[in-house]
C-alpha atoms as a PDB file:
ATOM      1  CA  UNK A   1       0.000   0.000   0.000  1.00  0.00           C
ATOM      2  CA  UNK A   2       1.135   3.532  -0.779  1.00  0.00           C
ATOM      3  CA  UNK A   3       0.411   5.801   2.142  1.00  0.00           C
ATOM      4  CA  UNK A   4       0.398   9.553   2.734  1.00  0.00           C
ATOM      5  CA  UNK A   5       0.266  10.681   6.346  1.00  0.00           C
ATOM      6  CA  UNK A   6       1.098   9.191   9.739  1.00  0.00           C
ATOM      7  CA  UNK A   7       0.560   5.508   8.916  1.00  0.00           C
ATOM      8  CA  UNK A   8       0.173   4.568  12.582  1.00  0.00           C
ATOM      9  CA  UNK A   9      -3.109   6.533  12.634  1.00  0.00           C
ATOM     10  CA  UNK A  10      -4.798   4.741   9.736  1.00  0.00           C
ATOM     11  CA  UNK A  11      -5.829   1.643  11.695  1.00  0.00           C
ATOM     12  CA  UNK A  12      -7.538   3.752  14.371  1.00  0.00           C
ATOM     13  CA  UNK A  13      -9.369   5.834  11.782  1.00  0.00           C
ATOM     14  CA  UNK A  14     -10.548   2.700  10.011  1.00  0.00           C
ATOM     15  CA  UNK A  15     -11.788   1.361  13.332  1.00  0.00           C
ATOM     16  CA  UNK A  16     -13.665   4.615  13.964  1.00  0.00           C
ATOM     17  CA  UNK A  17     -15.349   4.274  10.586  1.00  0.00           C
ATOM     18  CA  UNK A  18     -16.253   0.631  11.155  1.00  0.00           C
ATOM     19  CA  UNK A  19     -18.071   1.614  14.343  1.00  0.00           C
ATOM     20  CA  UNK A  20     -20.541   3.613  12.238  1.00  0.00           C
ATOM     21  CA  UNK A  21     -23.556   1.527  11.296  1.00  0.00           C
ATOM     22  CA  UNK A  22     -24.183   1.199   7.553  1.00  0.00           C
ATOM     23  CA  UNK A  23     -27.476   2.975   6.923  1.00  0.00           C
ATOM     24  CA  UNK A  24     -28.054   1.961   3.317  1.00  0.00           C
ATOM     25  CA  UNK A  25     -26.573  -0.512   0.826  1.00  0.00           C
ATOM     26  CA  UNK A  26     -27.361  -0.370  -2.894  1.00  0.00           C
ATOM     27  CA  UNK A  27     -25.468  -2.908  -5.016  1.00  0.00           C
ATOM     28  CA  UNK A  28     -25.555  -2.928  -8.796  1.00  0.00           C
ATOM     29  CA  UNK A  29     -28.342  -5.194 -10.103  1.00  0.00           C
ATOM     30  CA  UNK A  30     -27.391  -8.714 -11.148  1.00  0.00           C
ATOM     31  CA  UNK A  31     -28.138  -7.744 -14.747  1.00  0.00           C
ATOM     32  CA  UNK A  32     -25.558  -4.921 -14.714  1.00  0.00           C
ATOM     33  CA  UNK A  33     -22.790  -5.134 -17.302  1.00  0.00           C
ATOM     34  CA  UNK A  34     -19.991  -2.591 -17.848  1.00  0.00           C
ATOM     35  CA  UNK A  35     -20.613  -0.312 -20.828  1.00  0.00           C
ATOM     36  CA  UNK A  36     -18.218  -0.918 -23.713  1.00  0.00           C
ATOM     37  CA  UNK A  37     -18.165   2.356 -25.610  1.00  0.00           C
ATOM     38  CA  UNK A  38     -17.767   6.029 -24.753  1.00  0.00           C
ATOM     39  CA  UNK A  39     -20.724   8.386 -24.891  1.00  0.00           C
ATOM     40  CA  UNK A  40     -21.493  12.018 -25.465  1.00  0.00           C
ATOM     41  CA  UNK A  41     -24.740  13.964 -25.299  1.00  0.00           C
ATOM     42  CA  UNK A  42     -27.233  13.314 -28.090  1.00  0.00           C
ATOM     43  CA  UNK A  43     -28.022  17.039 -28.277  1.00  0.00           C
ATOM     44  CA  UNK A  44     -27.480  20.340 -26.506  1.00  0.00           C
ATOM     45  CA  UNK A  45     -29.531  21.608 -23.586  1.00  0.00           C
ATOM     46  CA  UNK A  46     -29.368  24.362 -20.991  1.00  0.00           C
ATOM     47  CA  UNK A  47     -30.176  24.612 -17.315  1.00  0.00           C
ATOM     48  CA  UNK A  48     -30.385  27.745 -15.225  1.00  0.00           C
ATOM     49  CA  UNK A  49     -31.106  28.976 -11.756  1.00  0.00           C
ATOM     50  CA  UNK A  50     -30.180  31.574  -9.144  1.00  0.00           C
ATOM     51  CA  UNK A  51     -26.435  32.191  -8.922  1.00  0.00           C
ATOM     52  CA  UNK A  52     -24.653  30.577  -5.984  1.00  0.00           C
ATOM     53  CA  UNK A  53     -22.457  33.444  -4.870  1.00  0.00           C
ATOM     54  CA  UNK A  54     -24.180  36.682  -5.813  1.00  0.00           C
ATOM     55  CA  UNK A  55     -27.698  37.353  -4.631  1.00  0.00           C
ATOM     56  CA  UNK A  56     -30.147  38.383  -7.327  1.00  0.00           C
ATOM     57  CA  UNK A  57     -28.054  37.078 -10.238  1.00  0.00           C
ATOM     58  CA  UNK A  58     -29.131  34.294 -12.561  1.00  0.00           C
ATOM     59  CA  UNK A  59     -26.762  31.730 -14.058  1.00  0.00           C
ATOM     60  CA  UNK A  60     -27.086  29.506 -17.122  1.00  0.00           C
ATOM     61  CA  UNK A  61     -25.147  26.397 -18.145  1.00  0.00           C
ATOM     62  CA  UNK A  62     -25.272  25.112 -21.726  1.00  0.00           C
ATOM     63  CA  UNK A  63     -24.320  21.436 -22.128  1.00  0.00           C
ATOM     64  CA  UNK A  64     -23.208  20.391 -25.614  1.00  0.00           C
ATOM     65  CA  UNK A  65     -21.978  17.182 -27.266  1.00  0.00           C
ATOM     66  CA  UNK A  66     -18.221  16.787 -27.676  1.00  0.00           C
ATOM     67  CA  UNK A  67     -16.771  14.379 -30.237  1.00  0.00           C
ATOM     68  CA  UNK A  68     -13.606  16.193 -31.306  1.00  0.00           C
ATOM     69  CA  UNK A  69     -11.857  15.769 -27.936  1.00  0.00           C
ATOM     70  CA  UNK A  70     -12.204  13.275 -25.103  1.00  0.00           C
ATOM     71  CA  UNK A  71     -13.259  14.256 -21.613  1.00  0.00           C
ATOM     72  CA  UNK A  72     -15.186  17.210 -20.219  1.00  0.00           C
ATOM     73  CA  UNK A  73     -14.477  20.857 -20.949  1.00  0.00           C
ATOM     74  CA  UNK A  74     -15.749  24.139 -19.497  1.00  0.00           C
ATOM     75  CA  UNK A  75     -15.950  27.155 -21.795  1.00  0.00           C
ATOM     76  CA  UNK A  76     -16.407  30.694 -20.470  1.00  0.00           C
ATOM     77  CA  UNK A  77     -18.206  32.576 -23.256  1.00  0.00           C
ATOM     78  CA  UNK A  78     -17.301  35.893 -21.625  1.00  0.00           C
ATOM     79  CA  UNK A  79     -13.564  35.084 -21.737  1.00  0.00           C
ATOM     80  CA  UNK A  80     -13.198  35.325 -25.497  1.00  0.00           C
ATOM     81  CA  UNK A  81      -9.404  34.912 -25.688  1.00  0.00           C
ATOM     82  CA  UNK A  82      -9.208  31.923 -23.342  1.00  0.00           C
ATOM     83  CA  UNK A  83      -9.222  28.250 -24.230  1.00  0.00           C
ATOM     84  CA  UNK A  84     -11.769  25.902 -22.615  1.00  0.00           C
ATOM     85  CA  UNK A  85     -10.861  24.566 -19.176  1.00  0.00           C
ATOM     86  CA  UNK A  86     -10.217  20.857 -19.235  1.00  0.00           C
ATOM     87  CA  UNK A  87     -11.957  19.038 -16.383  1.00  0.00           C
ATOM     88  CA  UNK A  88      -8.828  17.514 -14.890  1.00  0.00           C
ATOM     89  CA  UNK A  89      -7.183  17.429 -11.495  1.00  0.00           C
ATOM     90  CA  UNK A  90      -4.289  19.488 -12.879  1.00  0.00           C
ATOM     91  CA  UNK A  91      -6.664  22.431 -13.375  1.00  0.00           C
ATOM     92  CA  UNK A  92      -7.991  22.561  -9.803  1.00  0.00           C
ATOM     93  CA  UNK A  93      -7.333  26.119  -8.611  1.00  0.00           C
ATOM     94  CA  UNK A  94      -8.782  25.738  -5.126  1.00  0.00           C
ATOM     95  CA  UNK A  95     -10.662  23.004  -3.257  1.00  0.00           C
ATOM     96  CA  UNK A  96     -11.006  24.413   0.246  1.00  0.00           C
ATOM     97  CA  UNK A  97     -14.761  25.043   0.212  1.00  0.00           C
ATOM     98  CA  UNK A  98     -15.642  23.849  -3.285  1.00  0.00           C
ATOM     99  CA  UNK A  99     -13.815  22.672  -6.395  1.00  0.00           C
ATOM    100  CA  UNK A 100     -12.761  25.661  -8.478  1.00  0.00           C
ATOM    101  CA  UNK A 101     -11.373  24.869 -11.934  1.00  0.00           C
ATOM    102  CA  UNK A 102      -9.227  27.367 -13.818  1.00  0.00           C
ATOM    103  CA  UNK A 103      -6.984  27.438 -16.872  1.00  0.00           C
ATOM    104  CA  UNK A 104      -5.003  30.306 -18.364  1.00  0.00           C
ATOM    105  CA  UNK A 105      -6.129  33.710 -17.146  1.00  0.00           C
ATOM    106  CA  UNK A 106      -7.108  34.096 -13.490  1.00  0.00           C
ATOM    107  CA  UNK A 107     -10.512  35.195 -14.790  1.00  0.00           C
ATOM    108  CA  UNK A 108     -11.048  31.960 -16.724  1.00  0.00           C
ATOM    109  CA  UNK A 109     -12.513  29.880 -13.889  1.00  0.00           C
ATOM    110  CA  UNK A 110     -15.722  28.257 -12.628  1.00  0.00           C
ATOM    111  CA  UNK A 111     -16.575  27.827  -8.950  1.00  0.00           C
ATOM    112  CA  UNK A 112     -18.452  24.951  -7.307  1.00  0.00           C
ATOM    113  CA  UNK A 113     -17.885  22.742 -10.325  1.00  0.00           C
ATOM    114  CA  UNK A 114     -18.519  19.581  -8.288  1.00  0.00           C
ATOM    115  CA  UNK A 115     -22.293  19.763  -8.780  1.00  0.00           C
ATOM    116  CA  UNK A 116     -21.708  19.878 -12.537  1.00  0.00           C
ATOM    117  CA  UNK A 117     -18.821  17.546 -13.310  1.00  0.00           C
ATOM    118  CA  UNK A 118     -20.064  14.708 -11.067  1.00  0.00           C
ATOM    119  CA  UNK A 119     -22.379  13.682 -13.934  1.00  0.00           C
ATOM    120  CA  UNK A 120     -19.348  12.618 -15.949  1.00  0.00           C
ATOM    121  CA  UNK A 121     -18.819   9.415 -13.970  1.00  0.00           C
ATOM    122  CA  UNK A 122     -22.201   9.503 -12.261  1.00  0.00           C
ATOM    123  CA  UNK A 123     -24.301   9.179 -15.413  1.00  0.00           C
ATOM    124  CA  UNK A 124     -21.563   7.841 -17.687  1.00  0.00           C
ATOM    125  CA  UNK A 125     -21.235  10.879 -19.956  1.00  0.00           C
ATOM    126  CA  UNK A 126     -17.649  10.527 -21.131  1.00  0.00           C
ATOM    127  CA  UNK A 127     -17.367  13.591 -23.365  1.00  0.00           C
ATOM    128  CA  UNK A 128     -19.108  16.980 -23.112  1.00  0.00           C
ATOM    129  CA  UNK A 129     -18.537  20.726 -23.085  1.00  0.00           C
ATOM    130  CA  UNK A 130     -20.279  23.060 -20.638  1.00  0.00           C
ATOM    131  CA  UNK A 131     -20.533  26.718 -21.645  1.00  0.00           C
ATOM    132  CA  UNK A 132     -21.259  29.522 -19.202  1.00  0.00           C
ATOM    133  CA  UNK A 133     -20.949  33.300 -19.207  1.00  0.00           C
ATOM    134  CA  UNK A 134     -19.898  33.542 -15.568  1.00  0.00           C
ATOM    135  CA  UNK A 135     -17.731  31.938 -12.915  1.00  0.00           C
ATOM    136  CA  UNK A 136     -20.769  31.761 -10.606  1.00  0.00           C
ATOM    137  CA  UNK A 137     -22.821  28.592 -11.312  1.00  0.00           C
ATOM    138  CA  UNK A 138     -26.520  28.082 -10.547  1.00  0.00           C
ATOM    139  CA  UNK A 139     -27.670  26.463  -7.318  1.00  0.00           C
ATOM    140  CA  UNK A 140     -30.737  24.287  -7.804  1.00  0.00           C
ATOM    141  CA  UNK A 141     -33.518  23.601  -5.322  1.00  0.00           C
ATOM    142  CA  UNK A 142     -33.053  19.810  -5.456  1.00  0.00           C
ATOM    143  CA  UNK A 143     -29.378  18.873  -5.699  1.00  0.00           C
ATOM    144  CA  UNK A 144     -28.407  18.570  -9.363  1.00  0.00           C
ATOM    145  CA  UNK A 145     -31.698  17.038 -10.500  1.00  0.00           C
ATOM    146  CA  UNK A 146     -32.289  19.617 -13.286  1.00  0.00           C
ATOM    147  CA  UNK A 147     -29.053  18.409 -14.926  1.00  0.00           C
ATOM    148  CA  UNK A 148     -29.907  14.744 -14.347  1.00  0.00           C
ATOM    149  CA  UNK A 149     -33.373  15.164 -15.856  1.00  0.00           C
ATOM    150  CA  UNK A 150     -32.060  17.168 -18.821  1.00  0.00           C
ATOM    151  CA  UNK A 151     -29.475  14.491 -19.641  1.00  0.00           C
ATOM    152  CA  UNK A 152     -32.167  11.804 -19.410  1.00  0.00           C
ATOM    153  CA  UNK A 153     -34.464  13.787 -21.741  1.00  0.00           C
ATOM    154  CA  UNK A 154     -31.707  14.543 -24.223  1.00  0.00           C
ATOM    155  CA  UNK A 155     -30.212  11.075 -24.177  1.00  0.00           C
ATOM    156  CA  UNK A 156     -26.699   9.883 -24.920  1.00  0.00           C
ATOM    157  CA  UNK A 157     -24.965   9.102 -28.190  1.00  0.00           C
ATOM    158  CA  UNK A 158     -22.778   6.004 -28.146  1.00  0.00           C
ATOM    159  CA  UNK A 159     -19.412   6.462 -29.852  1.00  0.00           C
ATOM    160  CA  UNK A 160     -18.898   2.962 -31.239  1.00  0.00           C
ATOM    161  CA  UNK A 161     -15.407   3.793 -32.515  1.00  0.00           C
ATOM    162  CA  UNK A 162     -14.180   4.656 -29.014  1.00  0.00           C
ATOM    163  CA  UNK A 163     -13.998   1.837 -26.455  1.00  0.00           C
ATOM    164  CA  UNK A 164     -14.118   2.841 -22.789  1.00  0.00           C
ATOM    165  CA  UNK A 165     -10.800   2.503 -20.976  1.00  0.00           C
ATOM    166  CA  UNK A 166     -11.391   1.260 -17.427  1.00  0.00           C
ATOM    167  CA  UNK A 167      -8.695   2.299 -14.953  1.00  0.00           C
ATOM    168  CA  UNK A 168      -7.825   1.540 -11.359  1.00  0.00           C
ATOM    169  CA  UNK A 169      -4.830   1.993  -9.061  1.00  0.00           C
ATOM    170  CA  UNK A 170      -1.864  -0.379  -9.286  1.00  0.00           C
ATOM    171  CA  UNK A 171      -2.047  -0.940  -5.534  1.00  0.00           C
ATOM    172  CA  UNK A 172      -4.111   0.446  -2.635  1.00  0.00           C
ATOM    173  CA  UNK A 173      -3.397   4.076  -1.817  1.00  0.00           C
ATOM    174  CA  UNK A 174      -4.555   5.900   1.326  1.00  0.00           C
ATOM    175  CA  UNK A 175      -4.277   9.490   2.476  1.00  0.00           C
ATOM    176  CA  UNK A 176      -4.993  11.030   5.875  1.00  0.00           C
ATOM    177  CA  UNK A 177      -6.623  14.398   6.399  1.00  0.00           C
ATOM    178  CA  UNK A 178      -7.573  16.639   9.318  1.00  0.00           C
ATOM    179  CA  UNK A 179     -10.160  15.823  11.994  1.00  0.00           C
ATOM    180  CA  UNK A 180      -9.527  12.079  11.838  1.00  0.00           C
ATOM    181  CA  UNK A 181     -10.424  11.746   8.155  1.00  0.00           C
ATOM    182  CA  UNK A 182      -9.001   9.371   5.565  1.00  0.00           C
ATOM    183  CA  UNK A 183      -9.570   8.425   1.949  1.00  0.00           C
ATOM    184  CA  UNK A 184      -8.535   5.172   0.292  1.00  0.00           C
ATOM    185  CA  UNK A 185      -8.619   3.872  -3.274  1.00  0.00           C
ATOM    186  CA  UNK A 186      -8.154   0.133  -3.727  1.00  0.00           C
ATOM    187  CA  UNK A 187      -8.183  -2.043  -6.890  1.00  0.00           C
ATOM    188  CA  UNK A 188     -10.462  -4.492  -5.029  1.00  0.00           C
ATOM    189  CA  UNK A 189     -13.207  -5.659  -7.392  1.00  0.00           C
ATOM    190  CA  UNK A 190     -11.748  -3.789 -10.383  1.00  0.00           C
ATOM    191  CA  UNK A 191     -11.952  -6.919 -12.528  1.00  0.00           C
ATOM    192  CA  UNK A 192     -15.744  -6.454 -12.602  1.00  0.00           C
ATOM    193  CA  UNK A 193     -15.234  -2.853 -13.783  1.00  0.00           C
ATOM    194  CA  UNK A 194     -17.537  -1.664 -11.004  1.00  0.00           C
ATOM    195  CA  UNK A 195     -16.790   1.341  -8.825  1.00  0.00           C
ATOM    196  CA  UNK A 196     -17.914   0.655  -5.258  1.00  0.00           C
ATOM    197  CA  UNK A 197     -18.060   3.442  -2.694  1.00  0.00           C
ATOM    198  CA  UNK A 198     -18.132   3.122   1.102  1.00  0.00           C
ATOM    199  CA  UNK A 199     -18.708   6.629   2.458  1.00  0.00           C
ATOM    200  CA  UNK A 200     -19.130   7.799   6.049  1.00  0.00           C
ATOM    201  CA  UNK A 201     -19.507  11.195   7.731  1.00  0.00           C
ATOM    202  CA  UNK A 202     -19.583  12.320  11.356  1.00  0.00           C
ATOM    203  CA  UNK A 203     -20.876  15.851  11.931  1.00  0.00           C
ATOM    204  CA  UNK A 204     -21.229  17.697  15.278  1.00  0.00           C
ATOM    205  CA  UNK A 205     -24.772  18.693  14.279  1.00  0.00           C
ATOM    206  CA  UNK A 206     -28.062  16.806  14.028  1.00  0.00           C
ATOM    207  CA  UNK A 207     -26.600  15.190  10.880  1.00  0.00           C
ATOM    208  CA  UNK A 208     -24.350  13.087  13.105  1.00  0.00           C
ATOM    209  CA  UNK A 209     -22.963   9.752  11.885  1.00  0.00           C
ATOM    210  CA  UNK A 210     -24.098   8.429   8.505  1.00  0.00           C
ATOM    211  CA  UNK A 211     -22.729   5.730   6.210  1.00  0.00           C
ATOM    212  CA  UNK A 212     -23.723   4.260   2.858  1.00  0.00           C
ATOM    213  CA  UNK A 213     -22.227   1.605   0.554  1.00  0.00           C
ATOM    214  CA  UNK A 214     -23.174   1.416  -3.120  1.00  0.00           C
ATOM    215  CA  UNK A 215     -22.053   0.479  -6.598  1.00  0.00           C
ATOM    216  CA  UNK A 216     -22.002   3.450  -8.927  1.00  0.00           C
ATOM    217  CA  UNK A 217     -24.650   3.167 -11.646  1.00  0.00           C
ATOM    218  CA  UNK A 218     -26.658   5.916 -13.345  1.00  0.00           C
ATOM    219  CA  UNK A 219     -29.625   4.874 -11.213  1.00  0.00           C
ATOM    220  CA  UNK A 220     -27.835   5.119  -7.855  1.00  0.00           C
ATOM    221  CA  UNK A 221     -26.248   8.404  -8.871  1.00  0.00           C
ATOM    222  CA  UNK A 222     -29.587   9.904  -9.918  1.00  0.00           C
ATOM    223  CA  UNK A 223     -31.038   8.802  -6.575  1.00  0.00           C
ATOM    224  CA  UNK A 224     -28.248  10.457  -4.597  1.00  0.00           C
ATOM    225  CA  UNK A 225     -28.080  13.559  -6.805  1.00  0.00           C
ATOM    226  CA  UNK A 226     -31.317  14.792  -5.243  1.00  0.00           C
ATOM    227  CA  UNK A 227     -29.388  15.678  -2.098  1.00  0.00           C
ATOM    228  CA  UNK A 228     -28.783  19.352  -1.428  1.00  0.00           C
ATOM    229  CA  UNK A 229     -25.638  20.935  -0.081  1.00  0.00           C
ATOM    230  CA  UNK A 230     -25.781  21.082   3.701  1.00  0.00           C
ATOM    231  CA  UNK A 231     -24.470  23.628   6.140  1.00  0.00           C
ATOM    232  CA  UNK A 232     -24.752  24.418   9.828  1.00  0.00           C
ATOM    233  CA  UNK A 233     -26.946  27.162  11.224  1.00  0.00           C
ATOM    234  CA  UNK A 234     -23.735  29.110  11.919  1.00  0.00           C
ATOM    235  CA  UNK A 235     -22.529  28.759   8.321  1.00  0.00           C
ATOM    236  CA  UNK A 236     -25.865  30.032   7.021  1.00  0.00           C
ATOM    237  CA  UNK A 237     -25.638  33.035   9.358  1.00  0.00           C
ATOM    238  CA  UNK A 238     -22.105  33.816   8.161  1.00  0.00           C
ATOM    239  CA  UNK A 239     -23.144  33.548   4.516  1.00  0.00           C
ATOM    240  CA  UNK A 240     -25.916  36.083   5.031  1.00  0.00           C
ATOM    241  CA  UNK A 241     -23.864  38.540   7.135  1.00  0.00           C
ATOM    242  CA  UNK A 242     -20.083  38.418   6.708  1.00  0.00           C
ATOM    243  CA  UNK A 243     -20.677  36.947   3.270  1.00  0.00           C
ATOM    244  CA  UNK A 244     -21.619  40.432   2.121  1.00  0.00           C
ATOM    245  CA  UNK A 245     -17.989  41.428   2.694  1.00  0.00           C
ATOM    246  CA  UNK A 246     -15.771  38.345   2.500  1.00  0.00           C
ATOM    247  CA  UNK A 247     -15.481  36.000  -0.483  1.00  0.00           C
ATOM    248  CA  UNK A 248     -14.917  32.869   1.626  1.00  0.00           C
ATOM    249  CA  UNK A 249     -18.443  33.136   3.046  1.00  0.00           C
ATOM    250  CA  UNK A 250     -20.153  34.751   0.073  1.00  0.00           C
ATOM    251  CA  UNK A 251     -22.666  31.970  -0.647  1.00  0.00           C
ATOM    252  CA  UNK A 252     -25.423  34.551  -0.985  1.00  0.00           C
ATOM    253  CA  UNK A 253     -27.555  32.233  -3.101  1.00  0.00           C
ATOM    254  CA  UNK A 254     -28.157  29.937  -0.118  1.00  0.00           C
ATOM    255  CA  UNK A 255     -31.802  29.659   0.894  1.00  0.00           C
ATOM    256  CA  UNK A 256     -33.757  27.282   3.096  1.00  0.00           C
ATOM    257  CA  UNK A 257     -35.037  25.681  -0.095  1.00  0.00           C
ATOM    258  CA  UNK A 258     -31.780  24.857  -1.875  1.00  0.00           C
ATOM    259  CA  UNK A 259     -29.668  24.136   1.236  1.00  0.00           C
ATOM    260  CA  UNK A 260     -30.207  21.689   4.097  1.00  0.00           C
ATOM    261  CA  UNK A 261     -29.529  23.670   7.277  1.00  0.00           C
ATOM    262  CA  UNK A 262     -28.591  21.656  10.354  1.00  0.00           C
ATOM    263  CA  UNK A 263     -28.672  22.852  13.935  1.00  0.00           C
ATOM    264  CA  UNK A 264     -27.179  21.075  16.933  1.00  0.00           C
ATOM    265  CA  UNK A 265     -30.313  19.113  17.819  1.00  0.00           C
ATOM    266  CA  UNK A 266     -32.677  19.584  14.873  1.00  0.00           C
ATOM    267  CA  UNK A 267     -32.841  20.600  11.241  1.00  0.00           C
ATOM    268  CA  UNK A 268     -33.781  24.216  10.560  1.00  0.00           C
ATOM    269  CA  UNK A 269     -35.652  23.150   7.411  1.00  0.00           C
ATOM    270  CA  UNK A 270     -37.031  19.792   6.320  1.00  0.00           C
ATOM    271  CA  UNK A 271     -34.761  17.093   4.853  1.00  0.00           C
ATOM    272  CA  UNK A 272     -35.949  15.622   1.560  1.00  0.00           C
ATOM    273  CA  UNK A 273     -38.458  12.835   2.325  1.00  0.00           C
ATOM    274  CA  UNK A 274     -37.121  10.753  -0.606  1.00  0.00           C
ATOM    275  CA  UNK A 275     -33.781  10.444   1.214  1.00  0.00           C
ATOM    276  CA  UNK A 276     -35.157   9.453   4.618  1.00  0.00           C
ATOM    277  CA  UNK A 277     -34.709   5.766   5.451  1.00  0.00           C
ATOM    278  CA  UNK A 278     -36.306   4.212   8.529  1.00  0.00           C
ATOM    279  CA  UNK A 279     -36.875   7.683   9.933  1.00  0.00           C
ATOM    280  CA  UNK A 280     -33.233   8.802   9.468  1.00  0.00           C
ATOM    281  CA  UNK A 281     -32.481  11.601   6.966  1.00  0.00           C
ATOM    282  CA  UNK A 282     -29.575  10.556   4.732  1.00  0.00           C
ATOM    283  CA  UNK A 283     -29.481  13.645   2.541  1.00  0.00           C
ATOM    284  CA  UNK A 284     -26.075  14.779   3.828  1.00  0.00           C
ATOM    285  CA  UNK A 285     -24.291  11.499   3.142  1.00  0.00           C
ATOM    286  CA  UNK A 286     -25.798  11.102  -0.331  1.00  0.00           C
ATOM    287  CA  UNK A 287     -24.721  14.629  -1.234  1.00  0.00           C
ATOM    288  CA  UNK A 288     -21.233  13.930   0.054  1.00  0.00           C
ATOM    289  CA  UNK A 289     -20.973  10.710  -1.956  1.00  0.00           C
ATOM    290  CA  UNK A 290     -22.569  11.723  -5.244  1.00  0.00           C
ATOM    291  CA  UNK A 291     -22.062  15.456  -5.684  1.00  0.00           C
ATOM    292  CA  UNK A 292     -18.737  15.837  -3.850  1.00  0.00           C
ATOM    293  CA  UNK A 293     -16.687  12.631  -3.971  1.00  0.00           C
ATOM    294  CA  UNK A 294     -17.790  11.377  -7.394  1.00  0.00           C
ATOM    295  CA  UNK A 295     -17.104  14.873  -8.737  1.00  0.00           C
ATOM    296  CA  UNK A 296     -13.488  14.677  -7.573  1.00  0.00           C
ATOM    297  CA  UNK A 297     -13.141  11.203  -9.102  1.00  0.00           C
ATOM    298  CA  UNK A 298     -14.459  12.717 -12.351  1.00  0.00           C
ATOM    299  CA  UNK A 299     -11.266  14.806 -12.512  1.00  0.00           C
ATOM    300  CA  UNK A 300      -9.546  11.957 -14.376  1.00  0.00           C
ATOM    301  CA  UNK A 301      -8.136  12.913 -17.773  1.00  0.00           C
ATOM    302  CA  UNK A 302      -9.800  10.032 -19.619  1.00  0.00           C
ATOM    303  CA  UNK A 303     -11.613   6.743 -19.039  1.00  0.00           C
ATOM    304  CA  UNK A 304     -13.687   5.515 -16.109  1.00  0.00           C
ATOM    305  CA  UNK A 305     -12.524   4.409 -12.686  1.00  0.00           C
ATOM    306  CA  UNK A 306     -13.196   1.028 -11.103  1.00  0.00           C
ATOM    307  CA  UNK A 307     -12.266  -0.557  -7.798  1.00  0.00           C
ATOM    308  CA  UNK A 308     -13.265   0.475  -4.279  1.00  0.00           C
ATOM    309  CA  UNK A 309     -13.264   3.935  -2.683  1.00  0.00           C
ATOM    310  CA  UNK A 310     -13.447   4.278   1.105  1.00  0.00           C
ATOM    311  CA  UNK A 311     -14.108   7.762   2.472  1.00  0.00           C
ATOM    312  CA  UNK A 312     -14.330   8.753   6.135  1.00  0.00           C
ATOM    313  CA  UNK A 313     -15.002  12.376   7.089  1.00  0.00           C
ATOM    314  CA  UNK A 314     -13.258  13.490   3.902  1.00  0.00           C
ATOM    315  CA  UNK A 315     -13.953  16.705   1.992  1.00  0.00           C
ATOM    316  CA  UNK A 316     -13.083  18.524  -1.227  1.00  0.00           C
ATOM    317  CA  UNK A 317      -9.457  19.221  -0.304  1.00  0.00           C
ATOM    318  CA  UNK A 318      -8.636  15.621   0.602  1.00  0.00           C
ATOM    319  CA  UNK A 319     -10.513  14.303  -2.440  1.00  0.00           C
ATOM    320  CA  UNK A 320      -8.495  16.505  -4.788  1.00  0.00           C
ATOM    321  CA  UNK A 321      -5.216  15.763  -2.988  1.00  0.00           C
ATOM    322  CA  UNK A 322      -5.790  12.056  -3.576  1.00  0.00           C
ATOM    323  CA  UNK A 323      -6.405  12.627  -7.281  1.00  0.00           C
ATOM    324  CA  UNK A 324      -3.258  14.747  -7.552  1.00  0.00           C
ATOM    325  CA  UNK A 325      -1.114  12.150  -5.778  1.00  0.00           C
ATOM    326  CA  UNK A 326      -2.452   9.404  -8.030  1.00  0.00           C
ATOM    327  CA  UNK A 327      -1.227  11.330 -11.069  1.00  0.00           C
ATOM    328  CA  UNK A 328       2.031  12.573  -9.530  1.00  0.00           C
ATOM    329  CA  UNK A 329       2.984   8.996  -8.681  1.00  0.00           C
ATOM    330  CA  UNK A 330       1.582   7.475 -11.912  1.00  0.00           C
ATOM    331  CA  UNK A 331      -0.605   5.039  -9.997  1.00  0.00           C
ATOM    332  CA  UNK A 332      -3.338   4.433 -12.565  1.00  0.00           C
ATOM    333  CA  UNK A 333      -3.364   1.305 -14.687  1.00  0.00           C
ATOM    334  CA  UNK A 334      -5.722  -0.112 -17.291  1.00  0.00           C
ATOM    335  CA  UNK A 335      -7.973  -3.021 -16.292  1.00  0.00           C
END
């Protein structure tokens, strides 16, 4: 195993994770088979909504097919002398609060890309270009469902001249983060070409301890993509006050509709009923798994990942660090 951090701490962190009860397990159906060929969108579509960072602004994303180049690309229509931003870990500008991608000019960027690029692996859209006229993306009322539904309506075009390259790590790799977190990528099960995720969180709010295990399929992703971003009551207060002055807390598009707000002992607003299992809201863990972690995994340059991902209390920064280290150390191999 390749390891980054104080290795003596990994066993204890794994034990802490194992003490969290698994709330939900969704395996791939027995009929599931790995797709053989790459896809792109069958046609263009657009989605729009209130901007995430500037109150009162509206933001539009135009999704278009891409056959000339592989992978995902982001094009800023207002940055006329800049090339499209390749969705790749090498173009991550910042991942402290969200994944910001940038290429070329410091103005050629897009914030909170995770809710957009997660559909690459999540729905199996290998090649696409997303055009926007701003670095401030829309924040939808129900996770990323408008994008999911638009892709389903539009459909996918199979590129029969381009086989999918399935990739995994040559050996298990683990990385430790702050607050007792860790993230591990193992080639376990890669021969099936499935990507299995075991994801756990432990928040000091009503969200508490949550854990899910699932095989990534378009169906499981679409289920989890309903989940909204979550924040604490304190974070919401900061966004609406100090956020007027400081960029780090300027999520002025946050509302009690598009964000799940958690207090110490109760939720400020209602969790989505579709993501409540046996009376326990699992919206936070599904958002973490589908619209955060899978987004970071979608920062590969080409192909699809397979194997097993284990995530405990991880976040954007640790996710992106893992992807960087995988490329720095040339750990990916073809299955």
